[in-house]
Amino acid sequence: MVWAFTELMIEGGEPAIIQWLRQENEAAQRGDHPLLRAAPPSPQVKMLAPLGVSHAYLMSGRAVAIPADRLVEMSEDDAKPLERAGWLRAATLLPAF
């Protein structure tokens, strides 16, 4: 098995991993690497957490401690599943008098 890996590395001149790393480096230096492209920001919404909720783990992976006013700002993508779980959008709340 060691012989097979050695043959693959020596036979083609430069190992494929070195070629791939070189291509990745060149793309990063040009600024067109896919990981360097910024995603457009998603719209933010305010959600009201139900009573008794102290923490939330959003779909984006973000962990949030719920403040005393229970209002949490998050992306639209994070808000959709929470809305189905009983959270309310701040825009739909009646103003307190």
Foldseek 3Di string as FASTA:
>chain_A
DVVVVVCQCPVVPHHPVVVVVVVQVVCVVVVNRPVNDDDPDADKFKKAADPPDQWDQFPVRDIDGQDPRRIDIDGPNRVVVVVVVPIGTPVPDDDDD
